[in-house]
Amino acid sequence: MKVVLGLNAVFHDSSAALLVDGRLRVIAEEERPSRVRHAKRAGVDNTPILPYLAIDEALREAGLDFSRVDEVAYSFDPAARFAALGRVPGDPDIPAGDYGTPEGERRFRDFILLTGSLLEARYGRKVPVRFIPHHDCHMAAAYHSCPWDEAALLCVDGIGEDDTCTWGRWRGGALEKLGRLEYPHSLGFLWERVTQWAGLTPNLDEGTTMAMAAYGDPARFRAALRRVMEPLPDGTFRVDPALARFRAPDVKGFEELLGPRRRAQEPLLWQGTDRRHADAAAALQELTEELLCGLARRVRREAGLPNLALAGGVTLNCLGNNAVARSGAFDGVWAFPAAKDCGTAFGAACLADGKARREEWLHAYRGPAPAAGATAKALAEARLEAPAQGDGALIARSAELLEQGKVVAWFEGAPETGPRALCHRSLLADPRDAAMRDRLNREVKHRQLFRPYGPVAREEDADEFFDIPPGLRRACRFMLAAVPVKARAKSRIAAVVHGDGTTRPQLVTKSSHPRLHALLGEFGKRTGTPVLVNTSFNDREPIVDSPAHALATFQRTAIDALVLEDRLLVKG
């Protein structure tokens, strides 16, 4: 038996993945058990913080201990990063000792090289550590989860070692890299900086920026943003580093172009006469879609394959994925559900194993399931009683509660891998009244009123509600594409129609999620609308991980009911 442990710990979204004899057993994300969003903040001094909780959870799920691990695959190559230091242009005003400074980069490299020693100190056993280029890991994860034996590959994020965008193909059983862009030409960093200019938190609130774009006019800042990042005729793009200042602590370049940055005490301007933050977000979204489509056309020319697998944090941009699919560059588009850095642990393990098997992901429930007896223990510790029920009774009662306008939390089995809640750790609600969106934002999720919600629907009902390009249908199993809601359906699912008329659906089949499939059918019988609001089961925290987390969040929020495996708890 060969056991490879993949690790991502270099920046954020720390994670561990286990491959056993070439098959994925589990991907564990550190933020779930630690309850720290994204596990840690990216920073040179945070580099040696390893995802020990995720490693332990992954080993538990696989029924192994660290003594069975043959090799550790780390999703970053410190030698390649350090070698690039002389090639990458310097940035103005970088804080001493930070990324991009000689002393910061030396410490960064040395911290990564401590990984083997840190693991040995923790687990009492020395295991060889292989360092693998970050974007190779992103692309390998996308390929090994995709539907095709051969695929074009595109990775777009903030930065790997020095690359910010890489493309290639998987053909003949191997990864072939065909091209790349280097720092500072980074679309991911552009999103971080505009998010920071809007007074939001980079690496955390880019989803808020994307949501706000639906309410803005891109014309206001179109020319300004293209001074920072210019599309090129060859399908790539070029950044003006003097304006971008990606590693500086301030956003002076963006203030020159967009106006003063928003301060913490100032309102976010997305409606009314001055929508400057929404207008900037709209210009950024428009530019992103143009750049992604240009890259897709270039990748198609160079890879010569009809299907594309996407990875990297930028490919969590649902409107961008829709634009790529509609561009006609590819017949099929696969978006990896764990496209952010947590997925690179899987890709690293695949590349280190050498004989990893490609297996299309029909679901994303790849996390470690709760330990046996965890539900009963959590209920006992919370001094709550809830008898076990059969699926029929549980689904009928849940549908009744949803029809009554209740918000129902749903906790079941192994958690989803990646940032989208896909009905194993979800909040469900009636989508027929737009007021439900406002209630969720105000009373449950405590976030901006413009933030949208996506629906979950049965795959056989999708065409009744959504306009999905054929090549993008698989991405809609994972809420990774924003597609138009059909005009005749908008009033029926008003709570999940965003300001631009799109929504981000999750499509389920009877085999991928039998209980939710049945719940949708029962809710449809009662209401004529077999669709539910689906959002993550959390409140300004990582998605709940364990039965104890589920009960704690249920008790301290305005959630009305909780389905906890085969139990049902209802407030009041």
Protein backbone atom coordinates (compact mmCIF):
# COMPACT_ATOMS: atom_id res chain seq x y z
CA MET A 1 0.00 0.00 0.00
CA LYS A 2 1.36 3.42 -0.99
CA VAL A 3 0.19 6.42 1.02
CA VAL A 4 0.91 9.98 -0.13
CA LEU A 5 0.01 12.94 2.07
CA GLY A 6 -0.56 16.16 0.13
CA LEU A 7 -0.14 19.43 2.01
CA ASN A 8 -1.05 23.04 1.27
CA ALA A 9 0.31 25.43 3.87
CA VAL A 10 2.27 28.07 2.01
CA PHE A 11 -0.16 31.03 2.01
CA HIS A 12 -3.71 30.36 3.24
CA ASP A 13 -6.55 27.80 2.95
CA SER A 14 -4.26 25.18 4.52
CA SER A 15 -5.30 21.60 3.87
CA ALA A 16 -4.28 17.95 3.75
CA ALA A 17 -5.18 15.25 1.22
CA LEU A 18 -4.53 11.52 1.34
CA LEU A 19 -4.04 9.28 -1.67
CA VAL A 20 -3.91 5.56 -1.02
CA ASP A 21 -2.71 3.42 -3.93
CA GLY A 22 -3.48 6.24 -6.34
CA ARG A 23 -7.03 6.89 -5.12
CA LEU A 24 -8.21 9.93 -3.22
CA ARG A 25 -9.43 9.04 0.25
CA VAL A 26 -10.05 12.46 1.78
CA ILE A 27 -9.33 16.20 1.60
CA ALA A 28 -9.40 17.97 4.95
CA GLU A 29 -9.43 21.77 5.29
CA GLU A 30 -7.78 23.26 8.38
CA GLU A 31 -10.29 26.10 8.74
CA ARG A 32 -13.14 23.68 9.46
CA PRO A 33 -11.89 22.15 12.74
CA SER A 34 -9.79 25.21 13.73
CA ARG A 35 -12.73 27.63 13.18
CA VAL A 36 -10.28 30.20 11.75
CA ARG A 37 -11.36 31.49 8.34
CA HIS A 38 -8.89 30.42 5.64
CA ALA A 39 -6.90 28.71 8.44
CA LYS A 40 -4.34 31.52 8.65
CA ARG A 41 -3.43 34.87 7.16
CA ALA A 42 -0.89 34.78 4.35
CA GLY A 43 2.40 36.16 5.68
CA VAL A 44 6.05 35.21 5.75
CA ASP A 45 5.99 34.53 9.49
CA ASN A 46 2.87 32.36 9.21
CA THR A 47 4.45 30.04 6.63
CA PRO A 48 5.58 27.32 9.11
CA ILE A 49 2.09 26.98 10.63
CA LEU A 50 1.12 23.55 9.30
CA PRO A 51 -2.44 22.13 9.13
CA TYR A 52 -2.03 19.57 11.90
CA LEU A 53 -5.76 19.34 12.61
CA ALA A 54 -6.46 18.64 8.94
CA ILE A 55 -3.69 16.02 8.82
CA ASP A 56 -5.08 14.28 11.89
CA GLU A 57 -8.63 14.37 10.53
CA ALA A 58 -7.52 13.00 7.16
CA LEU A 59 -5.61 10.13 8.79
CA ARG A 60 -8.59 9.34 11.03
CA GLU A 61 -10.95 9.24 8.06
CA ALA A 62 -8.61 6.87 6.19
CA GLY A 63 -8.09 4.66 9.26
CA LEU A 64 -4.33 5.29 9.21
CA ASP A 65 -1.68 6.91 11.36
CA PHE A 66 1.32 8.93 10.31
CA SER A 67 3.57 5.87 10.42
CA ARG A 68 1.87 4.64 7.24
CA VAL A 69 2.69 7.79 5.21
CA ASP A 70 5.32 7.08 2.54
CA GLU A 71 5.80 10.60 1.21
CA VAL A 72 4.63 14.15 1.82
CA ALA A 73 3.89 16.31 -1.24
CA TYR A 74 3.95 20.06 -0.54
CA SER A 75 2.21 22.32 -3.06
CA PHE A 76 4.97 24.88 -3.51
CA ASP A 77 8.57 24.83 -4.74
CA PRO A 78 10.73 27.16 -2.60
CA ALA A 79 13.79 26.69 -4.83
CA ALA A 80 11.86 27.88 -7.90
CA ARG A 81 10.52 30.86 -5.95
CA PHE A 82 13.94 31.91 -4.73
CA ALA A 83 15.49 31.44 -8.18
CA ALA A 84 12.91 33.85 -9.60
CA LEU A 85 13.77 36.60 -7.14
CA GLY A 86 16.18 38.31 -9.50
CA ARG A 87 13.77 38.12 -12.45
CA VAL A 88 10.67 39.47 -10.77
CA PRO A 89 10.58 43.29 -10.73
CA GLY A 90 10.71 44.97 -7.36
CA ASP A 91 7.74 46.76 -5.82
CA PRO A 92 7.75 50.20 -4.22
CA ASP A 93 7.30 50.61 -0.48
CA ILE A 94 7.33 46.92 0.51
CA PRO A 95 7.54 46.56 4.30
CA ALA A 96 10.92 45.30 5.45
CA GLY A 97 11.11 41.52 5.65
CA ASP A 98 7.94 40.95 3.64
CA TYR A 99 7.36 39.03 0.41
CA GLY A 100 9.45 40.47 -2.40
CA THR A 101 12.35 41.68 -0.25
CA PRO A 102 15.61 39.66 -0.24
CA GLU A 103 15.49 39.07 3.52
CA GLY A 104 11.76 38.21 3.43
CA GLU A 105 12.18 35.76 0.59
CA ARG A 106 15.12 34.03 2.33
CA ARG A 107 13.03 33.56 5.48
CA PHE A 108 10.06 32.44 3.38
CA ARG A 109 12.20 29.76 1.68
CA ASP A 110 13.78 28.62 4.94
CA PHE A 111 10.41 28.35 6.68
CA ILE A 112 9.04 26.12 3.90
CA LEU A 113 12.14 23.91 4.09
CA LEU A 114 11.39 23.31 7.79
CA THR A 115 8.30 21.29 6.84
CA GLY A 116 9.96 17.87 7.17
CA SER A 117 11.47 18.72 10.55
CA LEU A 118 8.19 20.14 11.85
CA LEU A 119 6.32 17.00 10.85
CA GLU A 120 8.99 14.82 12.44
CA ALA A 121 8.75 16.81 15.68
CA ARG A 122 4.98 16.45 15.71
CA TYR A 123 4.64 12.80 14.66
CA GLY A 124 7.98 11.31 15.68
CA ARG A 125 8.89 10.02 12.25
CA LYS A 126 10.93 11.41 9.37
CA VAL A 127 9.16 11.24 5.99
CA PRO A 128 10.56 12.55 2.69
CA VAL A 129 8.98 15.82 1.55
CA ARG A 130 8.67 16.62 -2.14
CA PHE A 131 8.12 20.25 -3.15
CA ILE A 132 5.98 20.64 -6.27
CA PRO A 133 5.22 23.87 -8.21
CA HIS A 134 2.04 25.49 -6.98
CA HIS A 135 0.30 25.93 -10.34
CA ASP A 136 1.18 22.36 -11.35
CA CYS A 137 -0.74 21.26 -8.25
CA HIS A 138 -3.73 23.43 -9.15
CA MET A 139 -3.84 22.01 -12.68
CA ALA A 140 -3.30 18.40 -11.55
CA ALA A 141 -6.24 18.69 -9.14
CA ALA A 142 -8.46 20.09 -11.88
CA TYR A 143 -7.47 17.29 -14.26
CA HIS A 144 -7.80 14.40 -11.80
CA SER A 145 -11.37 15.47 -10.95
CA CYS A 146 -12.53 16.25 -14.51
CA PRO A 147 -14.62 14.12 -16.91
CA TRP A 148 -12.03 13.72 -19.70
CA ASP A 149 -8.95 11.58 -20.29
CA GLU A 150 -7.33 14.53 -22.06
CA ALA A 151 -8.00 18.17 -21.21
CA ALA A 152 -6.68 21.68 -21.70
CA LEU A 153 -5.80 23.30 -18.38
CA LEU A 154 -5.90 26.90 -17.15
CA CYS A 155 -4.88 28.13 -13.70
CA VAL A 156 -5.48 31.77 -12.70
CA ASP A 157 -4.83 33.05 -9.18
CA GLY A 158 -2.82 35.64 -7.25
CA ILE A 159 0.61 34.03 -7.41
CA GLY A 160 2.33 30.68 -7.22
CA GLU A 161 6.12 30.80 -7.07
CA ASP A 162 6.43 33.68 -9.52
CA ASP A 163 3.69 32.67 -11.96
CA THR A 164 0.22 34.19 -11.77
CA CYS A 165 -1.43 32.38 -14.66
CA THR A 166 -0.37 29.05 -16.19
CA TRP A 167 -1.86 26.97 -18.97
CA GLY A 168 -1.18 23.60 -20.49
CA ARG A 169 -2.77 20.24 -21.17
CA TRP A 170 -2.95 16.77 -19.74
CA ARG A 171 -2.25 14.35 -22.53
CA GLY A 172 -0.59 10.97 -22.72
CA GLY A 173 -0.76 10.56 -18.96
CA ALA A 174 1.28 13.66 -18.15
CA LEU A 175 1.05 17.40 -17.56
CA GLU A 176 2.48 19.55 -20.34
CA LYS A 177 2.89 23.24 -19.53
CA LEU A 178 2.45 25.49 -22.56
CA GLY A 179 2.65 29.04 -21.24
CA ARG A 180 2.48 31.32 -18.23
CA LEU A 181 2.42 34.89 -16.96
CA GLU A 182 4.74 36.08 -14.21
CA TYR A 183 4.33 38.54 -11.38
CA PRO A 184 3.30 41.39 -11.33
CA HIS A 185 0.79 40.50 -14.07
CA SER A 186 -1.78 39.07 -11.65
CA LEU A 187 -5.54 39.09 -12.06
CA GLY A 188 -5.96 37.59 -8.59
CA PHE A 189 -4.00 40.41 -7.00
CA LEU A 190 -6.08 42.96 -8.91
CA TRP A 191 -9.17 41.55 -7.19
CA GLU A 192 -7.44 41.79 -3.82
CA ARG A 193 -6.48 45.42 -4.36
CA VAL A 194 -9.90 46.62 -5.57
CA THR A 195 -11.43 44.77 -2.61
CA GLN A 196 -9.01 46.57 -0.29
CA TRP A 197 -9.75 49.94 -1.93
CA ALA A 198 -13.46 49.32 -1.27
CA GLY A 199 -12.67 48.98 2.45
CA LEU A 200 -13.17 45.22 2.49
CA THR A 201 -10.73 42.49 3.52
CA PRO A 202 -8.47 41.06 0.80
CA ASN A 203 -8.38 37.27 0.54
CA LEU A 204 -11.70 37.18 2.37
CA ASP A 205 -14.23 39.52 0.77
CA GLU A 206 -13.64 39.12 -2.98
CA GLY A 207 -17.04 37.39 -3.13
CA THR A 208 -18.61 40.57 -1.77
CA THR A 209 -16.89 42.59 -4.49
CA MET A 210 -18.18 40.18 -7.14
CA ALA A 211 -21.73 40.38 -5.74
CA MET A 212 -21.64 44.18 -5.69
CA ALA A 213 -20.73 44.28 -9.39
CA ALA A 214 -24.32 43.49 -10.36
CA TYR A 215 -25.42 46.92 -9.11
CA GLY A 216 -22.74 49.04 -10.78
CA ASP A 217 -22.04 50.63 -14.14
CA PRO A 218 -18.72 49.42 -15.58
CA ALA A 219 -18.41 52.47 -17.86
CA ARG A 220 -17.49 54.77 -14.98
CA PHE A 221 -14.15 53.06 -14.21
CA ARG A 222 -13.59 50.98 -17.35
CA ALA A 223 -10.73 53.10 -18.69
CA ALA A 224 -9.20 53.59 -15.25
CA LEU A 225 -8.87 49.89 -14.46
CA ARG A 226 -7.45 49.21 -17.91
CA ARG A 227 -4.63 51.57 -17.06
CA VAL A 228 -3.70 49.15 -14.28
CA MET A 229 -4.26 45.97 -16.30
CA GLU A 230 -4.26 46.11 -20.09
CA PRO A 231 -5.64 43.26 -22.24
CA LEU A 232 -3.22 42.27 -25.02
CA PRO A 233 -4.01 40.98 -28.52
CA ASP A 234 -2.38 37.60 -27.78
CA GLY A 235 -4.99 36.79 -25.11
CA THR A 236 -2.81 37.72 -22.14
CA PHE A 237 -2.57 40.99 -20.20
CA ARG A 238 -0.05 43.44 -18.80
CA VAL A 239 0.03 45.25 -15.46
CA ASP A 240 1.43 48.70 -14.73
CA PRO A 241 3.35 47.98 -11.49
CA ALA A 242 3.62 51.66 -10.59
CA LEU A 243 -0.16 51.88 -10.31
CA ALA A 244 -0.82 48.36 -9.05
CA ARG A 245 1.71 48.42 -6.18
CA PHE A 246 0.51 44.93 -5.30
CA ARG A 247 2.88 44.42 -2.35
CA ALA A 248 2.69 47.92 -0.91
CA PRO A 249 0.57 48.36 2.25
CA ASP A 250 -1.43 51.19 0.67
CA VAL A 251 -3.64 51.52 -2.42
CA LYS A 252 -2.32 54.88 -3.65
CA GLY A 253 -2.37 53.86 -7.30
CA PHE A 254 -6.02 52.89 -7.10
CA GLU A 255 -6.89 56.06 -5.21
CA GLU A 256 -5.39 58.05 -8.09
CA LEU A 257 -7.66 56.23 -10.54
CA LEU A 258 -10.83 55.49 -8.54
CA GLY A 259 -10.88 58.11 -5.82
CA PRO A 260 -10.25 57.88 -2.06
CA ARG A 261 -10.40 54.42 -0.56
CA ARG A 262 -13.32 53.64 1.71
CA ARG A 263 -12.62 53.93 5.42
CA ALA A 264 -14.04 51.44 7.91
CA GLN A 265 -16.65 53.88 9.28
CA GLU A 266 -17.90 54.93 5.83
CA PRO A 267 -20.83 53.27 4.03
CA LEU A 268 -20.29 50.90 1.13
CA LEU A 269 -21.70 52.74 -1.90
CA TRP A 270 -23.68 50.29 -4.04
CA GLN A 271 -27.03 52.05 -4.48
CA GLY A 272 -28.40 55.57 -4.71
CA THR A 273 -26.84 58.48 -6.62
CA ASP A 274 -23.23 57.55 -5.87
CA ARG A 275 -22.43 53.89 -6.48
CA ARG A 276 -18.68 54.24 -6.80
CA HIS A 277 -17.82 50.94 -5.09
CA ALA A 278 -20.36 49.03 -7.17
CA ASP A 279 -19.18 50.82 -10.32
CA ALA A 280 -15.56 49.82 -9.66
CA ALA A 281 -16.64 46.23 -8.96
CA ALA A 282 -18.64 46.19 -12.21
CA ALA A 283 -15.64 47.42 -14.21
CA LEU A 284 -13.45 44.79 -12.56
CA GLN A 285 -15.95 42.03 -13.30
CA GLU A 286 -16.27 43.12 -16.94
CA LEU A 287 -12.48 43.18 -17.34
CA THR A 288 -12.16 39.77 -15.67
CA GLU A 289 -14.62 38.16 -18.07
CA GLU A 290 -12.81 39.67 -21.05
CA LEU A 291 -9.43 38.48 -19.81
CA LEU A 292 -10.64 34.96 -19.00
CA CYS A 293 -12.20 34.61 -22.44
CA GLY A 294 -8.99 35.86 -24.09
CA LEU A 295 -6.95 33.35 -22.12
CA ALA A 296 -9.39 30.56 -22.97
CA ARG A 297 -9.08 31.25 -26.70
CA ARG A 298 -5.29 31.23 -26.43
CA VAL A 299 -5.29 27.97 -24.47
CA ARG A 300 -7.56 26.35 -27.07
CA ARG A 301 -5.16 27.34 -29.88
CA GLU A 302 -2.10 26.09 -28.09
CA ALA A 303 -3.51 22.98 -26.37
CA GLY A 304 -5.56 21.81 -29.35
CA LEU A 305 -8.09 19.99 -27.16
CA PRO A 306 -11.86 20.56 -27.03
CA ASN A 307 -12.39 20.52 -23.25
CA LEU A 308 -11.03 22.81 -20.53
CA ALA A 309 -10.42 22.23 -16.81
CA LEU A 310 -10.12 25.39 -14.68
CA ALA A 311 -8.34 25.91 -11.35
CA GLY A 312 -6.98 28.71 -9.19
CA GLY A 313 -8.88 31.13 -7.00
CA VAL A 314 -9.96 33.42 -9.86
CA THR A 315 -11.90 30.52 -11.42
CA LEU A 316 -14.29 30.65 -8.47
CA ASN A 317 -15.66 33.70 -10.32
CA CYS A 318 -19.01 32.28 -11.42
CA LEU A 319 -19.76 34.94 -14.04
CA GLY A 320 -16.29 34.45 -15.49
CA ASN A 321 -16.86 30.72 -15.86
CA ASN A 322 -20.15 31.39 -17.61
CA ALA A 323 -18.41 33.83 -19.98
CA VAL A 324 -15.73 31.25 -20.84
CA ALA A 325 -18.36 28.63 -21.59
CA ARG A 326 -20.37 31.02 -23.77
CA SER A 327 -17.27 32.23 -25.64
CA GLY A 328 -17.29 29.05 -27.72
CA ALA A 329 -13.57 28.43 -27.19
CA PHE A 330 -14.28 24.98 -25.72
CA ASP A 331 -17.00 22.35 -26.03
CA GLY A 332 -16.91 21.59 -22.31
CA VAL A 333 -15.71 23.54 -19.26
CA TRP A 334 -14.91 21.91 -15.92
CA ALA A 335 -14.46 24.11 -12.86
CA PHE A 336 -12.72 22.33 -9.98
CA PRO A 337 -14.89 22.62 -6.82
CA ALA A 338 -11.83 23.25 -4.61
CA ALA A 339 -10.23 25.74 -7.00
CA LYS A 340 -8.78 27.83 -4.18
CA ASP A 341 -5.50 26.83 -2.55
CA CYS A 342 -7.04 24.07 -0.42
CA GLY A 343 -7.33 21.96 -3.57
CA THR A 344 -3.59 22.05 -4.25
CA ALA A 345 -3.00 19.45 -1.53
CA PHE A 346 -4.90 16.99 -3.73
CA GLY A 347 -2.98 18.02 -6.84
CA ALA A 348 0.37 17.71 -5.07
CA ALA A 349 -0.47 14.19 -3.90
CA CYS A 350 -1.52 13.21 -7.43
CA LEU A 351 1.75 14.44 -8.95
CA ALA A 352 3.91 12.84 -6.26
CA ASP A 353 2.11 9.50 -6.50
CA GLY A 354 2.75 9.18 -10.24
CA LYS A 355 -0.05 6.64 -10.67
CA ALA A 356 -2.98 8.67 -9.42
CA ARG A 357 -6.25 7.86 -11.15
CA ARG A 358 -8.46 10.46 -12.77
CA GLU A 359 -11.99 10.13 -11.43
CA GLU A 360 -14.73 12.59 -12.34
CA TRP A 361 -16.18 14.24 -9.28
CA LEU A 362 -19.92 13.68 -9.31
CA HIS A 363 -20.07 15.27 -5.87
CA ALA A 364 -17.72 17.27 -3.65
CA TYR A 365 -18.30 15.42 -0.36
CA ARG A 366 -14.59 14.63 0.08
CA GLY A 367 -14.00 15.88 3.62
CA PRO A 368 -13.67 13.76 6.76
CA ALA A 369 -17.03 12.61 8.09
CA PRO A 370 -17.77 13.07 11.80
CA ALA A 371 -16.54 10.27 14.05
CA ALA A 372 -19.00 7.55 14.99
CA GLY A 373 -21.27 8.66 17.80
CA ALA A 374 -20.45 12.35 17.34
CA THR A 375 -24.10 13.36 16.87
CA ALA A 376 -25.32 11.61 20.01
CA LYS A 377 -22.39 13.02 21.99
CA ALA A 378 -23.03 16.57 20.80
CA LEU A 379 -26.71 16.37 21.66
CA ALA A 380 -25.93 15.02 25.13
CA GLU A 381 -23.36 17.75 25.80
CA ALA A 382 -25.87 20.39 24.66
CA ARG A 383 -28.55 18.77 26.86
CA LEU A 384 -30.86 18.38 23.89
CA GLU A 385 -33.02 15.45 22.86
CA ALA A 386 -34.01 14.58 19.33
CA PRO A 387 -35.05 11.03 18.44
CA ALA A 388 -33.80 9.45 15.24
CA GLN A 389 -36.30 9.48 12.36
CA GLY A 390 -36.63 7.68 9.08
CA ASP A 391 -35.93 9.61 5.88
CA GLY A 392 -39.60 9.74 4.88
CA ALA A 393 -40.77 11.45 8.07
CA LEU A 394 -37.73 13.72 8.19
CA ILE A 395 -38.19 14.92 4.62
CA ALA A 396 -41.94 15.45 4.98
CA ARG A 397 -41.54 17.51 8.15
CA SER A 398 -38.63 19.52 6.70
CA ALA A 399 -40.65 20.37 3.59
CA GLU A 400 -43.54 21.47 5.80
CA LEU A 401 -41.26 23.78 7.78
CA LEU A 402 -39.76 25.24 4.61
CA GLU A 403 -43.24 25.88 3.18
CA GLN A 404 -44.04 27.77 6.39
CA GLY A 405 -41.12 30.12 5.75
CA LYS A 406 -38.70 28.57 8.22
CA VAL A 407 -34.92 28.51 7.70
CA VAL A 408 -33.75 24.92 7.97
CA ALA A 409 -30.10 24.00 8.55
CA TRP A 410 -29.05 20.72 6.93
CA PHE A 411 -26.11 18.68 8.25
CA GLU A 412 -25.33 15.33 6.71
CA GLY A 413 -22.36 12.98 6.27
CA ALA A 414 -18.98 14.08 4.96
CA PRO A 415 -18.50 17.82 4.37
CA GLU A 416 -18.06 19.48 1.00
CA THR A 417 -14.53 20.26 -0.14
CA GLY A 418 -14.09 23.85 -1.30
CA PRO A 419 -15.89 27.10 -0.45
CA ARG A 420 -19.41 26.20 -1.64
CA ALA A 421 -21.94 24.61 0.70
CA LEU A 422 -23.61 21.85 -1.33
CA CYS A 423 -26.32 20.60 1.01
CA HIS A 424 -24.20 18.61 3.43
CA ARG A 425 -23.54 21.79 5.44
CA SER A 426 -26.25 24.15 4.16
CA LEU A 427 -29.05 26.48 5.17
CA LEU A 428 -32.23 25.92 3.14
CA ALA A 429 -35.22 28.21 2.69
CA ASP A 430 -38.24 28.97 0.50
CA PRO A 431 -37.13 30.90 -2.62
CA ARG A 432 -40.52 32.22 -3.73
CA ASP A 433 -40.41 35.61 -1.95
CA ALA A 434 -37.49 38.04 -2.31
CA ALA A 435 -38.02 38.98 1.34
CA MET A 436 -36.37 35.69 2.28
CA ARG A 437 -33.07 36.99 0.88
CA ASP A 438 -33.32 40.10 3.05
CA ARG A 439 -34.23 38.06 6.11
CA LEU A 440 -31.24 35.76 5.63
CA ASN A 441 -28.87 38.68 5.17
CA ARG A 442 -30.19 40.68 8.13
CA GLU A 443 -31.06 38.05 10.71
CA VAL A 444 -29.04 34.94 9.97
CA LYS A 445 -25.88 35.69 7.97
CA HIS A 446 -25.46 39.33 9.12
CA ARG A 447 -24.04 40.64 5.86
CA GLN A 448 -24.71 43.30 3.21
CA LEU A 449 -28.22 43.35 1.77
CA PHE A 450 -26.98 43.07 -1.83
CA ARG A 451 -25.33 39.71 -1.17
CA PRO A 452 -27.15 37.09 -3.28
CA TYR A 453 -28.15 33.52 -2.62
CA GLY A 454 -28.07 30.55 -4.92
CA PRO A 455 -30.68 27.82 -5.41
CA VAL A 456 -30.50 24.06 -5.24
CA ALA A 457 -32.66 22.21 -7.76
CA ARG A 458 -33.00 18.75 -9.24
CA GLU A 459 -31.06 18.36 -12.44
CA GLU A 460 -34.19 17.29 -14.30
CA ASP A 461 -35.87 20.60 -13.38
CA ALA A 462 -32.95 22.85 -14.32
CA ASP A 463 -34.14 23.83 -17.80
CA GLU A 464 -37.44 25.05 -16.38
CA PHE A 465 -35.64 27.74 -14.38
CA PHE A 466 -32.12 28.39 -15.71
CA ASP A 467 -30.39 29.13 -19.01
CA ILE A 468 -27.33 26.86 -18.77
CA PRO A 469 -24.88 26.42 -21.67
CA PRO A 470 -24.51 22.67 -22.38
CA GLY A 471 -20.77 22.76 -21.79
CA LEU A 472 -21.19 24.32 -18.34
CA ARG A 473 -23.77 21.98 -16.89
CA ARG A 474 -21.27 20.01 -14.82
CA ALA A 475 -20.06 23.22 -13.14
CA CYS A 476 -23.63 23.84 -12.03
CA ARG A 477 -23.47 20.76 -9.82
CA PHE A 478 -21.09 22.73 -7.62
CA MET A 479 -22.43 26.33 -7.70
CA LEU A 480 -19.48 27.36 -9.87
CA ALA A 481 -21.34 29.17 -12.64
CA ALA A 482 -23.69 32.16 -12.60
CA VAL A 483 -26.32 31.71 -15.29
CA PRO A 484 -29.40 33.71 -16.32
CA VAL A 485 -32.72 32.89 -14.68
CA LYS A 486 -35.39 32.39 -17.32
CA ALA A 487 -37.82 35.30 -17.49
CA ARG A 488 -40.87 33.17 -16.77
CA ALA A 489 -39.23 31.73 -13.64
CA LYS A 490 -37.97 34.90 -11.96
CA SER A 491 -41.10 35.56 -9.92
CA ARG A 492 -41.22 31.91 -8.80
CA ILE A 493 -37.69 31.98 -7.28
CA ALA A 494 -37.33 35.69 -6.51
CA ALA A 495 -35.08 35.16 -3.46
CA VAL A 496 -32.28 33.70 -5.59
CA VAL A 497 -32.35 36.13 -8.55
CA HIS A 498 -29.40 38.52 -8.32
CA GLY A 499 -29.44 42.16 -9.43
CA ASP A 500 -28.17 41.23 -12.90
CA GLY A 501 -30.83 38.54 -13.42
CA THR A 502 -28.44 35.63 -12.84
CA THR A 503 -28.14 32.99 -10.16
CA ARG A 504 -25.60 30.38 -9.10
CA PRO A 505 -27.40 27.02 -9.01
CA GLN A 506 -26.52 23.68 -7.52
CA LEU A 507 -28.03 20.79 -9.45
CA VAL A 508 -28.52 17.50 -7.65
CA THR A 509 -29.36 14.05 -8.93
CA LYS A 510 -30.92 11.14 -7.09
CA SER A 511 -27.53 9.46 -6.94
CA SER A 512 -25.45 12.50 -5.92
CA HIS A 513 -27.74 13.52 -3.05
CA PRO A 514 -30.77 11.25 -2.61
CA ARG A 515 -32.18 12.98 0.47
CA LEU A 516 -32.05 16.50 -1.00
CA HIS A 517 -33.46 15.18 -4.27
CA ALA A 518 -36.39 13.76 -2.31
CA LEU A 519 -36.78 16.96 -0.26
CA LEU A 520 -36.94 19.07 -3.43
CA GLY A 521 -39.58 16.75 -4.82
CA GLU A 522 -41.67 17.00 -1.66
CA PHE A 523 -41.32 20.79 -1.50
CA GLY A 524 -42.29 20.96 -5.18
CA LYS A 525 -45.44 18.92 -4.53
CA ARG A 526 -46.46 21.33 -1.81
CA THR A 527 -45.63 24.60 -3.59
CA GLY A 528 -45.26 23.89 -7.31
CA THR A 529 -41.64 25.09 -7.11
CA PRO A 530 -39.08 22.28 -6.66
CA VAL A 531 -36.28 24.72 -5.79
CA LEU A 532 -34.79 25.88 -2.48
CA VAL A 533 -32.47 28.66 -1.37
CA ASN A 534 -29.11 27.11 -0.51
CA THR A 535 -26.38 28.93 1.40
CA SER A 536 -23.57 27.91 3.69
CA PHE A 537 -24.34 26.79 7.23
CA ASN A 538 -22.40 29.46 9.12
CA ASP A 539 -22.58 32.99 10.44
CA ARG A 540 -19.38 34.99 9.81
CA GLU A 541 -17.32 31.86 10.53
CA PRO A 542 -16.05 28.86 8.57
CA ILE A 543 -18.75 26.45 7.42
CA VAL A 544 -19.73 24.20 10.33
CA ASP A 545 -17.69 21.01 10.50
CA SER A 546 -18.97 18.81 13.31
CA PRO A 547 -22.32 18.09 14.97
CA ALA A 548 -21.13 20.21 17.92
CA HIS A 549 -20.44 23.15 15.58
CA ALA A 550 -23.83 22.68 13.96
CA LEU A 551 -25.64 22.76 17.28
CA ALA A 552 -23.70 25.80 18.50
CA THR A 553 -24.45 27.82 15.36
CA PHE A 554 -28.09 26.70 15.39
CA GLN A 555 -28.55 27.77 19.00
CA ARG A 556 -26.97 31.23 18.72
CA THR A 557 -28.54 32.32 15.42
CA ALA A 558 -32.01 32.91 14.00
CA ILE A 559 -32.06 29.54 12.23
CA ASP A 560 -35.46 27.93 12.89
CA ALA A 561 -34.74 24.21 12.52
CA LEU A 562 -31.82 21.82 12.21
CA VAL A 563 -31.65 18.49 10.45
CA LEU A 564 -28.69 16.80 12.12
CA GLU A 565 -28.08 13.55 10.28
CA ASP A 566 -31.29 11.63 11.14
CA ARG A 567 -32.49 14.00 13.88
CA LEU A 568 -34.65 17.11 13.67
CA LEU A 569 -34.59 20.00 16.10
CA VAL A 570 -37.12 22.85 15.86
CA LYS A 571 -37.07 26.04 17.89
CA GLY A 572 -40.18 27.20 19.64
